[in-house]
């Protein structure tokens, strides 16, 4: 059963399904896609599928990262969404797309929708965004979503930046 969370002009975001393991495997197997993530490739599709099966943010937090798909074709483009970190008690925005989908505005379109959803539906007060300093494309997405620069810092032994956006309506 596919559970759609939100829609934009061109896209819909839905909860992950088991068959998304295929996409997680291929996304993380592209060195350019994971260059700025701190993640490594999955060993095989089964490992990626197990990751998706065990992904429990929806039940634990009521939200999480979501598959981003084209409305017209249902094509899986990548993922975008919110993640609650219990250790630091923060919600962050994250996204990852197949390289062929870069530069088409999908990250910005889905990220903006996730921020609105987080503020309006989930009543989140603040959302953080982190990116390695070298990851100019992700920084640009955060800025287009009206995130404000907070500081430069070291993240996973790399120079990084922290951005934030606050919910003015709460």
Protein backbone atom coordinates (compact mmCIF):
# COMPACT_ATOMS: atom_id res chain seq x y z
CA UNK A 1 0.00 0.00 0.00
CA UNK A 2 1.49 3.31 -1.09
CA UNK A 3 1.02 6.10 1.43
CA UNK A 4 1.33 9.53 -0.20
CA UNK A 5 2.31 12.27 2.21
CA UNK A 6 2.21 15.41 0.10
CA UNK A 7 2.08 16.70 -3.46
CA UNK A 8 3.64 19.58 -5.34
CA UNK A 9 3.03 20.82 -8.86
CA UNK A 10 5.09 18.03 -10.47
CA UNK A 11 5.81 15.60 -7.66
CA UNK A 12 4.39 13.52 -4.89
CA UNK A 13 6.22 12.30 -1.81
CA UNK A 14 5.34 8.95 -0.31
CA UNK A 15 6.54 6.61 2.38
CA UNK A 16 9.19 4.13 1.32
CA UNK A 17 8.10 0.70 0.10
CA UNK A 18 10.17 -2.47 0.04
CA UNK A 19 10.92 -2.24 -3.67
CA UNK A 20 12.66 1.12 -3.04
CA UNK A 21 15.63 -0.95 -1.87
CA UNK A 22 16.54 -1.16 -5.56
CA UNK A 23 16.77 2.64 -5.73
CA UNK A 24 18.64 3.00 -2.44
CA UNK A 25 21.21 0.53 -3.71
CA UNK A 26 21.71 2.39 -6.98
CA UNK A 27 21.66 5.87 -5.41
CA UNK A 28 24.34 4.93 -2.89
CA UNK A 29 26.37 3.09 -5.52
CA UNK A 30 27.00 6.31 -7.43
CA UNK A 31 30.13 7.93 -5.93
CA UNK A 32 29.00 11.38 -7.11
CA UNK A 33 25.59 11.03 -5.43
CA UNK A 34 27.05 10.11 -2.04
CA UNK A 35 30.19 12.27 -2.34
CA UNK A 36 28.93 14.80 0.23
CA UNK A 37 26.77 12.54 2.40
CA UNK A 38 29.16 10.65 4.65
CA UNK A 39 27.30 7.47 3.62
CA UNK A 40 28.78 4.45 1.91
CA UNK A 41 27.43 2.17 -0.79
CA UNK A 42 25.26 -0.81 0.11
CA UNK A 43 26.95 -4.18 -0.51
CA UNK A 44 24.00 -5.42 -2.56
CA UNK A 45 20.30 -4.84 -3.23
CA UNK A 46 19.32 -7.13 -0.34
CA UNK A 47 21.21 -4.95 2.13
CA UNK A 48 19.52 -1.84 0.75
CA UNK A 49 16.11 -3.55 0.87
CA UNK A 50 16.72 -4.56 4.49
CA UNK A 51 17.51 -0.92 5.27
CA UNK A 52 14.17 0.14 3.78
CA UNK A 53 12.28 -2.64 5.60
CA UNK A 54 13.80 -1.59 8.94
CA UNK A 55 13.30 2.14 8.37
CA UNK A 56 11.05 3.04 11.30
CA UNK A 57 11.01 6.84 11.42
CA UNK A 58 7.36 6.92 10.32
CA UNK A 59 6.23 4.87 13.31
CA UNK A 60 8.70 6.36 15.81
CA UNK A 61 8.38 10.04 14.82
CA UNK A 62 5.32 10.23 12.59
CA UNK A 63 7.48 11.50 9.72
CA UNK A 64 10.79 10.84 7.99
CA UNK A 65 12.46 10.79 4.61
CA UNK A 66 10.09 10.12 1.72
CA UNK A 67 10.39 8.84 -1.83
CA UNK A 68 10.06 11.63 -4.40
CA UNK A 69 8.17 10.57 -7.53
CA UNK A 70 6.92 12.25 -10.70
CA UNK A 71 3.11 12.55 -10.61
CA UNK A 72 2.57 11.68 -14.26
CA UNK A 73 4.79 8.59 -14.45
CA UNK A 74 5.37 7.48 -10.82
CA UNK A 75 9.11 7.48 -11.59
CA UNK A 76 11.27 7.38 -8.43
CA UNK A 77 13.61 10.41 -8.58
CA UNK A 78 15.22 10.19 -5.16
CA UNK A 79 14.20 11.00 -1.64
CA UNK A 80 13.61 14.08 0.50
CA UNK A 81 12.25 14.64 3.95
CA UNK A 82 12.62 15.42 7.60
CA UNK A 83 14.51 13.46 10.21
CA UNK A 84 14.36 13.77 13.97
CA UNK A 85 17.66 13.22 15.74
CA UNK A 86 16.99 12.08 19.32
CA UNK A 87 20.61 12.70 20.33
CA UNK A 88 20.52 16.43 19.64
CA UNK A 89 16.72 16.86 19.66
CA UNK A 90 16.63 18.48 16.22
CA UNK A 91 14.77 18.03 12.96
CA UNK A 92 16.83 18.22 9.81
CA UNK A 93 16.00 18.37 6.13
CA UNK A 94 17.73 15.92 3.82
CA UNK A 95 17.52 14.94 0.16
CA UNK A 96 19.26 12.71 -2.37
CA UNK A 97 18.46 12.31 -6.04
CA UNK A 98 19.70 10.28 -8.96
CA UNK A 99 22.33 12.28 -10.85
CA UNK A 100 20.15 12.32 -14.00
CA UNK A 101 17.60 14.33 -11.99
CA UNK A 102 20.01 17.03 -10.80
CA UNK A 103 19.46 20.59 -11.97
CA UNK A 104 15.75 20.17 -12.66
CA UNK A 105 14.46 21.82 -9.49
CA UNK A 106 13.21 18.59 -7.91
CA UNK A 107 15.28 18.98 -4.74
CA UNK A 108 14.09 22.54 -4.19
CA UNK A 109 10.46 21.74 -5.02
CA UNK A 110 10.32 18.75 -2.68
CA UNK A 111 12.37 20.44 0.06
CA UNK A 112 10.09 23.50 0.12
CA UNK A 113 7.07 21.19 0.39
CA UNK A 114 8.68 19.28 3.28
CA UNK A 115 9.35 22.52 5.18
CA UNK A 116 5.73 23.67 4.72
CA UNK A 117 4.47 20.22 5.76
CA UNK A 118 6.77 20.21 8.80
CA UNK A 119 5.58 23.62 9.93
CA UNK A 120 1.86 23.39 9.10
CA UNK A 121 1.03 19.73 9.68
CA UNK A 122 3.66 18.60 12.18
CA UNK A 123 3.96 21.93 14.05
CA UNK A 124 7.76 21.71 14.06
CA UNK A 125 9.31 24.90 15.42
CA UNK A 126 12.68 24.77 13.63
CA UNK A 127 14.32 22.74 10.87
CA UNK A 128 18.08 22.52 10.36
CA UNK A 129 20.01 21.92 7.18
CA UNK A 130 23.62 20.76 7.05
CA UNK A 131 25.89 20.47 4.05
CA UNK A 132 29.56 20.08 3.40
CA UNK A 133 31.04 23.41 2.34
CA UNK A 134 31.99 21.90 -1.06
CA UNK A 135 28.38 20.87 -1.72
CA UNK A 136 27.31 24.11 -3.40
CA UNK A 137 24.17 22.57 -4.96
CA UNK A 138 22.72 21.50 -1.58
CA UNK A 139 23.58 24.86 -0.04
CA UNK A 140 21.75 26.56 -2.92
CA UNK A 141 18.67 24.38 -2.26
CA UNK A 142 18.68 25.38 1.42
CA UNK A 143 18.96 29.05 0.49
CA UNK A 144 16.12 28.78 -2.07
CA UNK A 145 14.00 27.28 0.73
CA UNK A 146 14.69 30.39 2.85
CA UNK A 147 17.03 28.67 5.31
CA UNK A 148 19.38 31.15 6.98
CA UNK A 149 23.11 30.59 7.44
CA UNK A 150 24.04 29.94 11.09
CA UNK A 151 27.69 28.91 11.11
CA UNK A 152 30.51 27.05 9.48
CA UNK A 153 31.73 23.99 11.43
CA UNK A 154 33.40 20.61 11.07
CA UNK A 155 31.01 17.75 10.30
CA UNK A 156 32.32 14.20 9.75
CA UNK A 157 35.84 15.70 9.63
CA UNK A 158 34.83 18.00 6.75
CA UNK A 159 34.23 21.76 6.60
CA UNK A 160 30.46 22.18 6.65
CA UNK A 161 27.73 24.77 7.09
CA UNK A 162 24.65 24.83 9.27
CA UNK A 163 21.46 26.54 8.13
CA UNK A 164 18.14 26.87 9.89
CA UNK A 165 14.57 27.96 9.25
CA UNK A 166 12.14 28.79 12.04
CA UNK A 167 8.38 28.42 12.06
CA UNK A 168 7.00 31.93 12.47
CA UNK A 169 3.43 30.64 12.77
CA UNK A 170 4.00 28.68 16.00
